[in-house]
N, C-alpha and C. Protein backbone atom coordinates (compact mmCIF):
# COMPACT_ATOMS: atom_id res chain seq x y z
N UNK A 1 0.97 -1.14 0.28
CA UNK A 1 0.16 0.09 -0.07
C UNK A 1 1.06 1.39 -0.14
N UNK A 2 0.58 1.96 -0.96
CA UNK A 2 1.54 3.48 -1.01
C UNK A 2 0.46 4.57 -0.35
N UNK A 3 1.20 5.66 0.34
CA UNK A 3 0.40 6.60 1.05
C UNK A 3 0.39 7.49 0.11
N UNK A 4 -1.06 8.21 0.10
CA UNK A 4 -1.21 9.40 -0.33
C UNK A 4 -0.69 10.28 -0.57
N UNK A 5 0.18 11.12 -0.88
CA UNK A 5 0.77 12.26 -0.87
C UNK A 5 -0.04 13.93 -1.24
N UNK A 6 0.25 14.64 -0.39
CA UNK A 6 -0.50 16.04 -0.35
C UNK A 6 0.35 16.76 -1.01
N UNK A 7 0.24 17.30 -1.44
CA UNK A 7 1.30 18.50 -1.46
C UNK A 7 1.57 19.18 -0.83
N UNK A 8 2.57 19.95 0.05
CA UNK A 8 2.01 21.37 1.03
C UNK A 8 1.40 22.22 0.10
N UNK A 9 1.08 23.10 0.68
CA UNK A 9 -0.01 24.39 0.47
C UNK A 9 1.39 25.31 0.07
N UNK A 10 1.21 26.39 -0.68
CA UNK A 10 2.52 27.15 -0.75
C UNK A 10 1.80 28.31 0.06
N UNK A 11 3.63 28.53 0.04
CA UNK A 11 3.36 29.94 1.00
C UNK A 11 2.78 31.15 0.22
N UNK A 12 2.00 31.87 1.35
CA UNK A 12 1.93 33.07 0.73
C UNK A 12 2.49 34.44 0.79
N UNK A 13 2.99 35.02 -0.13
CA UNK A 13 4.44 35.76 -0.36
C UNK A 13 3.98 37.04 0.59
N UNK A 14 4.51 37.75 1.39
CA UNK A 14 3.91 38.88 2.08
C UNK A 14 3.69 39.90 0.97
N UNK A 15 2.99 40.70 1.44
CA UNK A 15 2.35 42.00 0.34
C UNK A 15 3.59 42.88 0.25
N UNK A 16 3.87 42.92 -0.85
CA UNK A 16 5.09 44.41 -1.33
C UNK A 16 4.54 45.26 -0.66
N UNK A 17 3.30 46.08 -0.82
CA UNK A 17 3.45 47.55 0.25
C UNK A 17 1.71 46.71 1.23
N UNK A 18 1.92 47.16 1.93
CA UNK A 18 0.57 47.20 3.14
C UNK A 18 -0.27 48.06 3.17
N UNK A 19 -1.33 47.47 3.32
CA UNK A 19 -2.63 48.40 2.80
C UNK A 19 -2.91 49.29 2.91
N UNK A 20 -1.92 49.73 4.71
CA UNK A 20 -1.78 51.65 5.43
C UNK A 20 -1.33 52.33 4.02
N UNK A 21 0.01 51.26 3.83
CA UNK A 21 0.91 52.33 3.17
C UNK A 21 0.25 52.91 1.84
N UNK A 22 -0.52 51.83 0.98
CA UNK A 22 -1.35 52.63 -0.26
C UNK A 22 -2.24 53.05 -0.59
N UNK A 23 -2.35 53.42 0.96
CA UNK A 23 -3.50 54.21 1.46
C UNK A 23 -3.14 55.58 1.64
N UNK A 24 -2.07 55.57 2.49
CA UNK A 24 -1.44 56.94 2.38
C UNK A 24 -0.85 57.12 1.22
N UNK A 25 0.24 56.36 0.12
CA UNK A 25 0.54 56.64 -1.22
C UNK A 25 -0.82 57.69 -2.26
N UNK A 26 -2.01 56.12 -2.13
CA UNK A 26 -2.89 57.21 -2.50
C UNK A 26 -3.34 58.35 -2.31
N UNK A 27 -3.81 58.69 -0.85
CA UNK A 27 -4.81 60.10 -0.33
C UNK A 27 -3.38 61.08 -1.16
N UNK A 28 -1.67 60.91 -1.07
CA UNK A 28 -0.75 61.90 -1.41
C UNK A 28 -0.97 62.72 -2.90
N UNK A 29 -1.30 61.51 -3.39
CA UNK A 29 -1.68 61.97 -5.09
C UNK A 29 -2.80 62.46 -5.29
N UNK A 30 -3.80 61.81 -4.36
CA UNK A 30 -4.93 62.76 -4.83
C UNK A 30 -4.97 64.38 -4.02
N UNK A 31 -4.25 64.62 -3.29
CA UNK A 31 -4.30 65.85 -2.45
C UNK A 31 -3.38 66.73 -3.49
N UNK A 32 -2.27 65.81 -4.22
CA UNK A 32 -1.43 66.90 -5.06
C UNK A 32 -2.24 67.35 -6.13
N UNK A 33 -2.99 65.92 -6.95
CA UNK A 33 -4.02 66.53 -7.99
C UNK A 33 -4.43 67.59 -7.94
N UNK A 34 -5.32 67.60 -6.47
CA UNK A 34 -6.27 68.76 -5.95
C UNK A 34 -5.58 70.45 -5.91
N UNK A 35 -4.23 70.41 -5.37
CA UNK A 35 -3.76 71.22 -5.18
C UNK A 35 -2.90 72.15 -6.37
N UNK A 36 -2.81 71.13 -7.75
CA UNK A 36 -2.04 71.68 -8.89
C UNK A 36 -3.93 72.19 -9.56
N UNK A 37 -4.78 71.42 -9.22
CA UNK A 37 -5.97 72.11 -10.54
C UNK A 37 -6.47 73.45 -9.39
N UNK A 38 -6.22 73.86 -8.21
CA UNK A 38 -6.76 74.50 -7.58
C UNK A 38 -6.00 75.97 -8.09
N UNK A 39 -4.43 75.46 -7.91
CA UNK A 39 -3.48 76.65 -8.54
C UNK A 39 -3.98 76.92 -9.83
N UNK A 40 -4.01 76.40 -10.55
CA UNK A 40 -4.61 76.36 -11.84
C UNK A 40 -5.88 77.03 -12.27
N UNK A 41 -6.82 76.83 -11.80
CA UNK A 41 -7.65 77.93 -11.38
C UNK A 41 -7.59 79.18 -11.20
N UNK A 42 -7.07 79.23 -9.78
CA UNK A 42 -6.78 79.76 -8.83
C UNK A 42 -6.07 81.46 -9.57
N UNK A 43 -5.24 81.11 -10.73
CA UNK A 43 -3.58 81.17 -11.37
C UNK A 43 -4.35 82.83 -12.26
N UNK A 44 -5.68 82.49 -12.83
CA UNK A 44 -6.46 83.62 -13.79
C UNK A 44 -5.69 83.26 -15.27
N UNK A 45 -6.23 84.34 -15.64
CA UNK A 45 -5.77 84.30 -17.54
C UNK A 45 -3.93 85.05 -17.13
N UNK A 46 -3.46 84.63 -18.47
CA UNK A 46 -2.41 85.34 -19.09
C UNK A 46 -2.32 86.75 -19.46
N UNK A 47 -1.52 87.38 -19.12
CA UNK A 47 -1.63 88.41 -18.97
C UNK A 47 -0.24 89.37 -19.82
N UNK A 48 -0.95 90.17 -20.76
CA UNK A 48 0.05 90.96 -21.63
C UNK A 48 0.61 92.50 -20.73
N UNK A 49 2.04 92.58 -20.38
CA UNK A 49 2.31 93.58 -19.56
C UNK A 49 1.87 95.27 -20.36
N UNK A 50 1.67 95.24 -21.30
CA UNK A 50 1.84 96.72 -21.92
C UNK A 50 1.29 96.48 -23.52
N UNK A 51 0.21 97.02 -23.84
CA UNK A 51 -0.59 97.25 -25.28
C UNK A 51 -0.35 98.72 -25.36
N UNK A 52 0.55 99.13 -26.37
CA UNK A 52 0.37 100.52 -26.71
C UNK A 52 -0.46 100.43 -28.58
N UNK A 53 -1.50 101.83 -27.83
CA UNK A 53 -2.36 102.30 -28.89
C UNK A 53 -2.03 103.66 -29.55
N UNK A 54 -1.76 103.81 -31.09
CA UNK A 54 -1.19 104.89 -31.33
C UNK A 54 -2.33 105.21 -32.22
N UNK A 55 -3.33 106.51 -31.66
CA UNK A 55 -4.02 106.91 -32.46
C UNK A 55 -3.73 108.52 -33.20
N UNK A 56 -3.32 108.19 -34.38
CA UNK A 56 -3.25 109.11 -35.27
C UNK A 56 -4.73 109.42 -35.79
N UNK A 57 -5.87 109.82 -35.66
CA UNK A 57 -6.63 110.44 -35.74
C UNK A 57 -7.37 111.54 -35.25
N UNK A 58 -8.42 112.32 -35.82
CA UNK A 58 -8.70 113.70 -35.29
C UNK A 58 -9.49 113.40 -33.63
N UNK A 59 -9.94 112.13 -33.89
CA UNK A 59 -10.77 111.66 -33.02
C UNK A 59 -10.48 111.15 -31.62
N UNK A 60 -11.39 111.48 -30.42
CA UNK A 60 -11.28 110.79 -29.42
C UNK A 60 -12.20 109.32 -29.17
N UNK A 61 -11.16 108.12 -29.34
CA UNK A 61 -11.53 106.96 -29.35
C UNK A 61 -11.31 106.04 -28.30
N UNK A 62 -12.69 105.21 -28.11
CA UNK A 62 -12.70 104.37 -27.69
C UNK A 62 -12.23 103.00 -27.91
N UNK A 63 -11.36 102.24 -27.29
CA UNK A 63 -11.03 100.91 -28.08
C UNK A 63 -11.42 99.57 -26.81
N UNK A 64 -11.88 98.86 -27.58
CA UNK A 64 -12.08 97.40 -26.83
C UNK A 64 -11.35 96.63 -27.70
N UNK A 65 -11.07 95.07 -27.24
CA UNK A 65 -10.57 94.06 -27.62
C UNK A 65 -10.81 92.68 -27.24
N UNK A 66 -11.18 91.49 -28.37
CA UNK A 66 -11.18 90.44 -27.92
C UNK A 66 -10.35 89.39 -28.67
N UNK A 67 -10.64 88.15 -28.54
CA UNK A 67 -10.12 87.31 -29.33
C UNK A 67 -10.85 86.52 -30.53
N UNK A 68 -10.22 85.68 -31.32
CA UNK A 68 -10.92 85.20 -32.53
C UNK A 68 -12.14 84.66 -31.84
N UNK A 69 -11.91 83.94 -30.76
CA UNK A 69 -13.64 83.17 -30.19
C UNK A 69 -14.64 84.52 -29.84
N UNK A 70 -14.21 85.69 -29.97
CA UNK A 70 -15.58 86.50 -29.41
C UNK A 70 -16.40 85.55 -28.23
N UNK A 71 -15.20 85.79 -27.05
CA UNK A 71 -16.02 85.32 -25.92
C UNK A 71 -16.41 86.67 -25.50
N UNK A 72 -16.47 87.18 -25.38
CA UNK A 72 -16.43 88.78 -25.08
C UNK A 72 -15.31 90.13 -25.37
N UNK A 73 -15.97 91.44 -24.90
CA UNK A 73 -14.92 92.29 -25.35
C UNK A 73 -14.41 92.90 -24.22
N UNK A 74 -12.97 93.00 -23.91
CA UNK A 74 -12.80 93.66 -23.06
C UNK A 74 -12.24 94.99 -23.42
N UNK A 75 -12.49 96.25 -22.37
CA UNK A 75 -12.46 97.51 -22.91
C UNK A 75 -11.06 98.39 -22.35
N UNK A 76 -10.24 98.75 -23.21
CA UNK A 76 -9.30 98.98 -22.98
C UNK A 76 -9.21 100.54 -22.25
N UNK A 77 -9.86 101.29 -22.94
CA UNK A 77 -10.17 102.93 -23.18
C UNK A 77 -10.19 103.73 -23.42
N UNK A 78 -9.96 104.91 -23.57
CA UNK A 78 -9.81 106.09 -24.70
C UNK A 78 -8.54 106.28 -25.05
N UNK A 79 -8.27 106.34 -26.10
CA UNK A 79 -7.14 107.47 -26.61
C UNK A 79 -7.84 108.87 -27.41
N UNK A 80 -6.62 109.59 -26.86
CA UNK A 80 -7.20 111.44 -27.36
C UNK A 80 -6.27 110.91 -28.72
N UNK A 81 -6.99 112.31 -29.68
CA UNK A 81 -6.58 112.65 -30.74
C UNK A 81 -4.85 112.51 -31.09
N UNK A 82 -4.22 112.42 -31.96
CA UNK A 82 -2.86 112.21 -32.26
C UNK A 82 -2.17 111.94 -31.01
N UNK A 83 -2.85 110.95 -30.15
CA UNK A 83 -1.80 110.49 -28.80
C UNK A 83 -1.38 109.28 -28.80
N UNK A 84 -0.79 108.69 -27.95
CA UNK A 84 -0.46 107.30 -27.93
C UNK A 84 -0.85 106.95 -26.46
N UNK A 85 -1.20 106.01 -25.90
CA UNK A 85 -1.75 105.58 -24.73
C UNK A 85 -1.10 103.73 -24.35
N UNK A 86 -0.76 103.94 -23.44
CA UNK A 86 -0.31 102.64 -23.01
C UNK A 86 -1.18 102.24 -21.87
N UNK A 87 -1.93 100.48 -22.15
CA UNK A 87 -2.52 100.35 -21.66
C UNK A 87 -1.70 98.90 -20.69
N UNK A 88 -1.69 98.66 -19.63
CA UNK A 88 -1.33 97.82 -18.47
C UNK A 88 -1.68 97.02 -18.02
N UNK A 89 -1.05 95.43 -18.24
CA UNK A 89 -1.96 93.98 -17.90
C UNK A 89 -3.00 93.83 -18.48
N UNK A 90 -2.83 93.66 -19.56
CA UNK A 90 -3.88 93.27 -20.90
C UNK A 90 -4.17 92.09 -21.02
N UNK A 91 -5.49 91.62 -20.69
CA UNK A 91 -5.55 89.83 -20.75
C UNK A 91 -5.02 89.53 -21.74
N UNK A 92 -4.33 88.79 -22.30
CA UNK A 92 -3.90 87.76 -23.60
C UNK A 92 -5.25 87.72 -24.37
N UNK A 93 -5.58 88.06 -25.30
CA UNK A 93 -6.79 87.54 -26.15
C UNK A 93 -5.95 86.40 -27.17
N UNK A 94 -5.04 85.50 -27.29
CA UNK A 94 -4.97 84.65 -28.32
C UNK A 94 -3.91 84.87 -29.07
N UNK A 95 -3.60 83.89 -29.87
CA UNK A 95 -3.12 84.00 -31.77
C UNK A 95 -4.25 85.49 -32.52
N UNK A 96 -4.82 85.72 -32.33
CA UNK A 96 -5.39 87.02 -33.12
C UNK A 96 -6.20 87.77 -32.05
N UNK A 97 -5.95 89.03 -32.25
CA UNK A 97 -6.64 90.58 -31.58
C UNK A 97 -7.37 91.29 -32.43
N UNK A 98 -8.47 91.44 -31.85
CA UNK A 98 -9.84 91.90 -33.07
C UNK A 98 -9.83 93.38 -31.82
N UNK A 99 -9.80 94.30 -32.84
CA UNK A 99 -9.40 95.62 -31.91
C UNK A 99 -10.84 96.40 -32.53
N UNK A 100 -11.86 97.02 -31.65
CA UNK A 100 -13.27 97.46 -32.30
C UNK A 100 -12.78 99.26 -31.29
N UNK A 101 -13.13 100.04 -32.56
CA UNK A 101 -13.07 100.98 -32.08
C UNK A 101 -14.18 102.21 -32.43
N UNK A 102 -14.73 102.82 -31.25
CA UNK A 102 -16.02 104.10 -31.80
C UNK A 102 -15.22 105.09 -31.35
N UNK A 103 -16.54 106.31 -31.47
CA UNK A 103 -16.28 107.46 -30.92
C UNK A 103 -17.71 108.35 -30.52
N UNK A 104 -17.94 107.92 -29.65
CA UNK A 104 -19.39 108.24 -29.29
C UNK A 104 -20.61 107.35 -29.65
N UNK A 105 -21.13 107.92 -30.62
CA UNK A 105 -22.22 106.92 -30.89
C UNK A 105 -21.57 106.52 -32.27
N UNK A 106 -20.36 106.97 -32.80
CA UNK A 106 -20.20 106.42 -34.52
C UNK A 106 -19.09 104.97 -34.22
N UNK A 107 -18.99 104.35 -34.84
CA UNK A 107 -18.96 103.20 -35.09
C UNK A 107 -17.17 102.99 -35.84
N UNK A 108 -16.27 103.07 -35.93
CA UNK A 108 -14.94 103.00 -36.94
C UNK A 108 -14.73 101.58 -37.12
N UNK A 109 -15.81 100.84 -36.61
CA UNK A 109 -15.42 99.04 -37.32
C UNK A 109 -14.17 98.06 -36.24
N UNK A 110 -14.33 97.34 -36.97
CA UNK A 110 -12.99 96.00 -36.16
C UNK A 110 -11.59 96.22 -37.22
N UNK A 111 -10.27 95.91 -36.61
CA UNK A 111 -9.22 95.26 -37.74
C UNK A 111 -8.94 94.43 -36.30
N UNK A 112 -7.88 93.41 -37.28
CA UNK A 112 -7.57 92.30 -36.54
C UNK A 112 -5.58 92.53 -36.53
N UNK A 113 -4.99 91.87 -35.52
CA UNK A 113 -3.67 91.66 -35.53
C UNK A 113 -3.43 90.31 -35.06
N UNK A 114 -2.24 89.33 -35.95
CA UNK A 114 -2.03 88.72 -35.09
C UNK A 114 -1.36 88.72 -33.59
N UNK A 115 -1.13 87.64 -32.68
CA UNK A 115 -0.20 87.92 -31.72
C UNK A 115 0.94 87.76 -32.19
N UNK A 116 1.48 87.26 -33.10
CA UNK A 116 2.89 87.48 -33.56
C UNK A 116 3.17 89.03 -34.22
N UNK A 117 2.11 89.33 -34.94
CA UNK A 117 2.65 91.00 -35.54
C UNK A 117 2.58 91.70 -34.13
N UNK A 118 1.53 91.86 -32.99
CA UNK A 118 2.01 92.25 -31.60
C UNK A 118 3.29 91.86 -31.27
N UNK A 119 3.67 91.04 -31.41
CA UNK A 119 5.18 90.49 -30.33
C UNK A 119 6.07 91.21 -31.14
N UNK A 120 6.32 91.15 -32.73
CA UNK A 120 7.23 91.70 -33.80
C UNK A 120 7.35 93.30 -33.57
N UNK A 121 5.94 93.51 -33.58
CA UNK A 121 6.06 94.76 -33.14
C UNK A 121 6.23 95.74 -31.52
N UNK A 122 6.19 94.88 -30.91
CA UNK A 122 6.56 95.39 -29.13
C UNK A 122 5.66 95.54 -28.70
N UNK A 123 4.25 95.27 -29.01
CA UNK A 123 2.83 95.22 -28.57
C UNK A 123 2.12 96.56 -28.73
N UNK A 124 2.71 97.39 -29.80
CA UNK A 124 2.29 98.63 -30.42
C UNK A 124 1.67 98.35 -31.56
N UNK A 125 0.12 99.28 -31.52
CA UNK A 125 -0.58 98.79 -32.46
C UNK A 125 -1.20 100.47 -32.88
N UNK A 126 -1.49 100.87 -34.33
CA UNK A 126 -1.74 101.86 -35.06
C UNK A 126 -3.30 101.99 -35.15
N UNK A 127 -3.97 102.48 -35.17
CA UNK A 127 -5.42 102.85 -35.66
C UNK A 127 -5.24 102.91 -37.03
N UNK A 128 -5.87 101.98 -38.03
CA UNK A 128 -5.46 101.96 -39.30
C UNK A 128 -6.00 103.10 -40.11
N UNK A 129 -5.60 103.65 -40.95
CA UNK A 129 -6.73 104.37 -41.79
C UNK A 129 -8.21 104.37 -42.34
N UNK A 130 -8.38 103.51 -42.40
CA UNK A 130 -9.62 102.81 -43.00
C UNK A 130 -10.48 102.78 -41.50
N UNK A 131 -10.19 103.37 -40.45
CA UNK A 131 -10.87 103.30 -39.59
C UNK A 131 -11.58 105.02 -39.10
N UNK A 132 -10.06 105.40 -39.81
CA UNK A 132 -10.14 107.16 -39.68
C UNK A 132 -11.54 107.47 -40.84
N UNK A 133 -10.95 106.53 -41.65
CA UNK A 133 -12.07 106.95 -42.90
C UNK A 133 -13.33 106.49 -42.52
N UNK A 134 -13.84 105.59 -41.37
CA UNK A 134 -14.81 105.10 -41.80
C UNK A 134 -15.95 105.82 -40.34
N UNK A 135 -14.60 106.48 -39.27
CA UNK A 135 -15.74 107.24 -38.75
C UNK A 135 -16.15 108.43 -39.22
N UNK A 136 -14.82 109.10 -40.02
CA UNK A 136 -15.58 110.48 -40.84
C UNK A 136 -16.38 110.44 -41.66
N UNK A 137 -16.60 109.24 -42.44
CA UNK A 137 -18.02 108.95 -43.34
C UNK A 137 -19.27 109.12 -42.39
N UNK A 138 -18.71 108.78 -41.32
CA UNK A 138 -20.02 108.37 -40.03
C UNK A 138 -20.28 109.79 -39.69
N UNK A 139 -20.04 110.82 -39.40
CA UNK A 139 -20.35 111.79 -39.12
C UNK A 139 -19.80 112.35 -38.12
N UNK A 140 -18.14 111.90 -37.67
CA UNK A 140 -17.78 111.74 -36.30
C UNK A 140 -17.13 112.93 -35.89
N UNK A 141 -17.21 113.82 -35.21
CA UNK A 141 -16.91 115.41 -34.99
C UNK A 141 -15.26 115.29 -34.43
N UNK A 142 -14.53 115.65 -35.18
CA UNK A 142 -12.67 115.73 -34.78
C UNK A 142 -12.68 116.57 -33.36
N UNK A 143 -11.84 116.25 -32.82
CA UNK A 143 -11.75 117.42 -31.52
C UNK A 143 -10.28 117.90 -31.92
N UNK A 144 -10.39 119.43 -31.66
CA UNK A 144 -9.29 120.37 -31.92
C UNK A 144 -7.89 119.49 -31.31
N UNK A 145 -7.10 119.69 -32.43
CA UNK A 145 -5.50 119.34 -31.73
C UNK A 145 -5.31 120.31 -30.45
N UNK A 146 -4.43 119.80 -29.65
CA UNK A 146 -3.91 120.74 -27.91
C UNK A 146 -3.00 121.18 -28.68
């Protein structure tokens, strides 16, 4: 008679990471992701230090700007006739900047400038002649030069 041999049970391997260590690592990863996400939200939009507008028209103009997506207009402000004005800390409008010019109730229209052109021009933009012509045709009243 031969005895029946039963193989011994295999020993269980010790866990590489205990459950407690795994929980701590997972909680840490979640905390880091939350901090990075909150920081991105709180950082706000990218800003351009300065945008300079040159107004060679005889009109006191109001200028606003938007991006290609036209998700809303950012009012820059007025520029007196024949003057240059620096607007500081302007929200970056992306790859294309669309400027809209008015004087009082008269619409001077829009013109666009790429971000690359603005960078090459050191963020200086002049109001184009066609805006001047459009304001003149609309009956805008020129201000006397100082």
